[in-house]
Structure formats: C-alpha cells, structure tokens
Amino acid sequence: MKKVVIIEDQTAVREMIAQIVRTEPGFEVVAECGDGQSAIQVCLDNKPDFVILDVMLPGLHGAEVLRRFSKQLKQTRVLIFSGYEDAALLRELLEAGAHGFVGKSAPLSELRKGIQIVASGGSYFGPEVALILREAMAHPTNFAKPSLSLLTAREREILQLIAESYSTKEIAAKLKISVKTAENHRTNLMKKLDLHDVASLTRYAIEYGIIESPTRPGGL
C-alpha cells in the first residue's frame, strides 16, 4: 500500500481529496493536515510515499513546506493541487521537488489522473498548467520573479505572516525567535522589496502567490 499524506487547509476540499484517494486501489491515507507549520512534521513522522499538497497554506507557503520535507524524504512523490497557477510559482515548486501540478479549476478526472501518474513514478501537469509551462519556456523572462528570489526562506515566512496580519511580537512568538530578530528580518525584506508598509507587503504577497487573495471565490 502507498502511504498518502494530504496537505490542504480547506476541510471540505481535503475530505474530497481523501475520498478520491481511497477509491484508488493500493493507496492508504495515513494523515491529513491543514496548515503549513505542522505539515512538515506530519510528513517527517509518517514518511509517506505520496503527498498531495496545496500551495496557499496558513503559516507557511506550500513551496517552503515542500522544500523542507523533501530534503529528508527524497523518495516521496509530490502532486501539487492548487488554484494559483503562475509561471514563477511553478518554477519554484519544481525546484523544490514537485513531480506534478493539477489546478483546482480542472475536473476531478484530472486530479485522479495526476494521482495515478505521479504516484507511479511519472510527472503530470494538467492542460492549463502545461500551457503555462510551454509559454514560460518560450519566454524565459516570465519564468522568474527576481525580487522574490532575493528573500531568504525565513524572510518569505515572515512576509507571509505579516500579510496574514500577525504583529512583529506574534511573529517572534510563532517562530520562536526574539522580537529583535523578527524586526531585523522584517526590515531586511522591506529593503530588498523596496516596500515600506503592511498594505504594500500584503498586495505583494497576493500578487506573488504567497497568500490567498481575499476576492478569490471559496479560497481556491
């Protein structure tokens, strides 16, 4: 049996994915998780053969979750299931270790197909995602967002928390760092991005797929 972990913050979507996985022969859902911070430990504890991962997660971006657990779970196959489809994000996910990507706007038959192919050792990208990749390869400058790549993993984490309305004190407590260290990271990322207020950082985080746009229907 292939052990499967599902990482998705919306309970209804997570349950739907679990139901689909359970109908596939040879699969067992061993754990489900709804936030980025605990997702890494869930994967390390369960050592799954296959992970279905959302990108927009509270606490820690899906790409960073993948980057961290994949260092220790090199044999784990990973399928991204997300409503945010962007060339730069796709590049980041591929570099982090993703083996496939299905958009949430795709029919469930695409998700089933992606699960079967990726879990079996192949790579799968839904038609819309494949089109983005082809266009990005034809125009490589669209495949990267340089300012985002300037940030360290910790700075991205803090950027996400700022955009999620956490104060510097709350960020320090959440990440188990000093308030001074949190302030330094905040100052550094603002300098790198040339953004100097929370509203600008939040808009940037939405544009770059770090947090969900509040106008996106159903949080997908």
Protein backbone atom coordinates (compact mmCIF):
# COMPACT_ATOMS: atom_id res chain seq x y z
CA MET A 1 0.00 0.00 0.00
CA LYS A 2 1.22 3.52 -0.83
CA LYS A 3 1.03 5.79 2.21
CA VAL A 4 -0.54 9.16 1.36
CA VAL A 5 -0.49 12.47 3.22
CA ILE A 6 -2.92 15.23 2.18
CA ILE A 7 -1.99 18.85 2.98
CA GLU A 8 -4.90 21.24 2.31
CA ASP A 9 -6.27 23.98 4.54
CA GLN A 10 -9.93 23.73 3.47
CA THR A 11 -11.64 20.88 5.29
CA ALA A 12 -14.21 20.15 2.56
CA VAL A 13 -11.55 20.05 -0.17
CA ARG A 14 -9.28 17.91 2.00
CA GLU A 15 -12.09 15.42 2.63
CA MET A 16 -12.92 15.31 -1.09
CA ILE A 17 -9.30 14.54 -1.96
CA ALA A 18 -9.20 11.83 0.71
CA GLN A 19 -12.32 10.20 -0.71
CA ILE A 20 -10.82 10.17 -4.19
CA VAL A 21 -7.56 8.68 -2.93
CA ARG A 22 -9.40 5.95 -1.00
CA THR A 23 -11.18 4.80 -4.15
CA GLU A 24 -7.83 4.14 -5.81
CA PRO A 25 -6.52 0.60 -5.23
CA GLY A 26 -3.22 0.39 -3.37
CA PHE A 27 -3.49 3.76 -1.59
CA GLU A 28 -3.90 4.48 2.12
CA VAL A 29 -4.44 7.98 3.57
CA VAL A 30 -2.25 7.95 6.68
CA ALA A 31 -2.52 11.64 7.65
CA GLU A 32 -4.22 14.90 6.76
CA CYS A 33 -3.04 18.40 7.62
CA GLY A 34 -4.45 21.91 7.24
CA ASP A 35 -1.55 24.28 7.90
CA GLY A 36 1.98 24.78 6.67
CA GLN A 37 3.74 24.86 10.02
CA SER A 38 2.63 21.40 11.14
CA ALA A 39 2.70 19.87 7.63
CA ILE A 40 6.47 19.36 7.65
CA GLN A 41 6.43 17.35 10.88
CA VAL A 42 3.39 15.36 9.73
CA CYS A 43 5.34 14.27 6.65
CA LEU A 44 8.52 13.50 8.59
CA ASP A 45 6.56 11.45 11.13
CA ASN A 46 4.59 9.45 8.56
CA LYS A 47 7.24 9.13 5.81
CA PRO A 48 4.62 8.96 3.04
CA ASP A 49 5.16 7.50 -0.42
CA PHE A 50 2.94 10.21 -1.89
CA VAL A 51 1.89 13.73 -0.86
CA ILE A 52 -0.90 15.88 -2.27
CA LEU A 53 -0.01 19.46 -1.41
CA ASP A 54 -1.84 22.77 -1.64
CA VAL A 55 0.20 25.96 -2.13
CA MET A 56 -1.81 28.53 -0.16
CA LEU A 57 -1.43 27.35 3.42
CA PRO A 58 -1.70 29.34 6.64
CA GLY A 59 1.58 29.78 8.47
CA LEU A 60 3.97 28.57 5.77
CA HIS A 61 3.80 28.62 1.98
CA GLY A 62 3.42 25.25 0.26
CA ALA A 63 6.66 25.62 -1.69
CA GLU A 64 8.59 26.09 1.54
CA VAL A 65 6.82 23.13 3.13
CA LEU A 66 7.87 21.00 0.16
CA ARG A 67 11.43 22.33 0.19
CA ARG A 68 11.87 21.43 3.85
CA PHE A 69 10.41 17.93 3.98
CA SER A 70 11.78 16.81 0.61
CA LYS A 71 15.34 17.20 1.87
CA GLN A 72 14.77 14.21 4.14
CA LEU A 73 12.12 12.34 2.13
CA LYS A 74 13.81 12.13 -1.24
CA GLN A 75 11.71 9.15 -2.43
CA THR A 76 8.36 10.80 -1.66
CA ARG A 77 6.32 11.70 -4.74
CA VAL A 78 4.53 15.06 -4.62
CA LEU A 79 1.49 16.30 -6.56
CA ILE A 80 0.52 19.97 -6.20
CA PHE A 81 -3.22 20.69 -6.16
CA SER A 82 -3.74 24.44 -6.18
CA GLY A 83 -5.90 27.22 -7.54
CA TYR A 84 -2.93 29.54 -8.03
CA GLU A 85 -1.20 28.90 -11.35
CA ASP A 86 1.76 31.11 -12.19
CA ALA A 87 4.98 30.52 -14.10
CA ALA A 88 7.29 31.74 -11.34
CA LEU A 89 5.44 29.68 -8.74
CA LEU A 90 5.66 26.59 -10.96
CA ARG A 91 9.40 27.07 -11.27
CA GLU A 92 9.76 27.39 -7.50
CA LEU A 93 7.71 24.23 -6.91
CA LEU A 94 9.65 22.23 -9.49
CA GLU A 95 12.94 23.34 -7.96
CA ALA A 96 11.59 22.36 -4.52
CA GLY A 97 10.83 18.85 -5.73
CA ALA A 98 7.26 18.72 -7.08
CA HIS A 99 6.51 15.98 -9.62
CA GLY A 100 3.18 17.26 -10.91
CA PHE A 101 0.58 20.02 -10.69
CA VAL A 102 -3.19 19.94 -11.15
CA GLY A 103 -5.19 23.17 -10.93
CA LYS A 104 -8.30 23.33 -8.79
CA SER A 105 -10.29 24.56 -11.77
CA ALA A 106 -9.65 21.23 -13.53
CA PRO A 107 -12.22 18.40 -13.46
CA LEU A 108 -11.77 15.73 -10.82
CA SER A 109 -10.81 13.27 -13.55
CA GLU A 110 -7.60 15.33 -13.97
CA LEU A 111 -6.86 15.02 -10.27
CA ARG A 112 -7.36 11.24 -10.44
CA LYS A 113 -5.07 11.07 -13.45
CA GLY A 114 -2.43 13.15 -11.72
CA ILE A 115 -2.58 10.96 -8.62
CA GLN A 116 -2.18 7.76 -10.62
CA ILE A 117 0.70 9.01 -12.79
CA VAL A 118 2.72 10.85 -10.15
CA ALA A 119 2.33 8.14 -7.52
CA SER A 120 3.52 5.60 -10.08
CA GLY A 121 6.75 7.48 -10.68
CA GLY A 122 5.82 9.78 -13.57
CA SER A 123 5.28 13.50 -13.93
CA TYR A 124 1.91 15.06 -14.69
CA PHE A 125 0.80 18.63 -15.36
CA GLY A 126 -2.82 19.42 -16.15
CA PRO A 127 -3.54 21.02 -19.55
CA GLU A 128 -3.77 24.59 -18.23
CA VAL A 129 -0.58 24.21 -16.20
CA ALA A 130 1.23 22.60 -19.14
CA LEU A 131 0.28 25.61 -21.28
CA ILE A 132 1.78 27.99 -18.70
CA LEU A 133 4.98 25.94 -18.69
CA ARG A 134 5.21 25.93 -22.50
CA GLU A 135 4.72 29.70 -22.66
CA ALA A 136 7.29 30.21 -19.91
CA MET A 137 9.83 28.10 -21.77
CA ALA A 138 9.19 30.14 -24.92
CA HIS A 139 9.64 33.36 -22.92
CA PRO A 140 12.10 32.55 -20.10
CA THR A 141 11.88 36.01 -18.55
CA ASN A 142 8.32 35.15 -17.49
CA PHE A 143 9.61 32.16 -15.57
CA ALA A 144 11.13 34.12 -12.70
CA LYS A 145 10.31 36.99 -10.38
CA PRO A 146 13.73 38.25 -9.32
CA SER A 147 12.66 40.29 -6.31
CA LEU A 148 11.04 37.27 -4.64
CA SER A 149 14.16 35.18 -5.21
CA LEU A 150 16.14 37.76 -3.22
CA LEU A 151 14.38 36.75 0.00
CA THR A 152 15.67 34.05 2.31
CA ALA A 153 13.34 31.25 3.41
CA ARG A 154 12.91 32.96 6.79
CA GLU A 155 12.13 36.31 5.16
CA ARG A 156 9.47 34.68 2.98
CA GLU A 157 8.00 33.07 6.07
CA ILE A 158 7.86 36.43 7.85
CA LEU A 159 6.45 38.14 4.76
CA GLN A 160 3.60 35.62 4.73
CA LEU A 161 2.89 36.15 8.42
CA ILE A 162 2.92 39.94 8.03
CA ALA A 163 0.46 39.63 5.16
CA GLU A 164 -1.69 37.37 7.35
CA SER A 165 -1.89 40.28 9.85
CA TYR A 166 0.46 38.97 12.55
CA SER A 167 2.29 41.62 14.56
CA THR A 168 6.07 41.51 14.96
CA LYS A 169 5.63 40.27 18.54
CA GLU A 170 3.26 37.50 17.41
CA ILE A 171 5.64 36.51 14.59
CA ALA A 172 8.52 36.24 17.05
CA ALA A 173 6.46 34.00 19.35
CA LYS A 174 5.20 31.86 16.48
CA LEU A 175 8.68 31.30 15.02
CA LYS A 176 10.36 31.04 18.45
CA ILE A 177 12.77 33.88 17.72
CA SER A 178 13.40 37.15 19.54
CA VAL A 179 11.37 40.24 18.72
CA LYS A 180 14.62 41.94 17.69
CA THR A 181 15.41 39.13 15.21
CA ALA A 182 11.88 39.34 13.79
CA GLU A 183 12.26 43.10 13.41
CA ASN A 184 15.59 42.65 11.62
CA HIS A 185 14.10 40.16 9.16
CA ARG A 186 11.17 42.49 8.57
CA THR A 187 13.49 45.44 7.93
CA ASN A 188 15.67 43.40 5.56
CA LEU A 189 12.79 42.08 3.46
CA MET A 190 11.28 45.57 3.18
CA LYS A 191 14.61 46.90 1.92
CA LYS A 192 15.01 44.09 -0.59
CA LEU A 193 11.49 44.54 -1.95
CA ASP A 194 11.51 48.35 -1.62
CA LEU A 195 8.14 48.13 0.15
CA HIS A 196 7.69 50.01 3.40
CA ASP A 197 4.22 49.39 4.80
CA VAL A 198 1.99 46.42 5.59
CA ALA A 199 -0.54 47.22 2.85
CA SER A 200 2.18 47.13 0.17
CA LEU A 201 3.62 43.89 1.55
CA THR A 202 0.16 42.33 1.59
CA ARG A 203 -0.51 43.31 -2.03
CA TYR A 204 2.88 41.90 -2.99
CA ALA A 205 2.17 38.63 -1.15
CA ILE A 206 -1.13 38.23 -3.01
CA GLU A 207 0.41 39.07 -6.39
CA TYR A 208 3.24 36.59 -5.93
CA GLY A 209 1.05 33.77 -4.67
CA ILE A 210 2.30 33.81 -1.09
CA ILE A 211 -1.17 34.29 0.41
CA GLU A 212 -4.65 33.89 -0.99
CA SER A 213 -6.44 36.87 -2.47
CA PRO A 214 -9.50 37.67 -0.32
CA THR A 215 -11.50 38.07 -3.54
CA ARG A 216 -10.72 34.55 -4.81
CA PRO A 217 -14.03 32.60 -4.61
CA GLY A 218 -14.12 29.93 -1.94
CA GLY A 219 -10.44 30.43 -1.14
CA LEU A 220 -9.45 28.26 -4.09
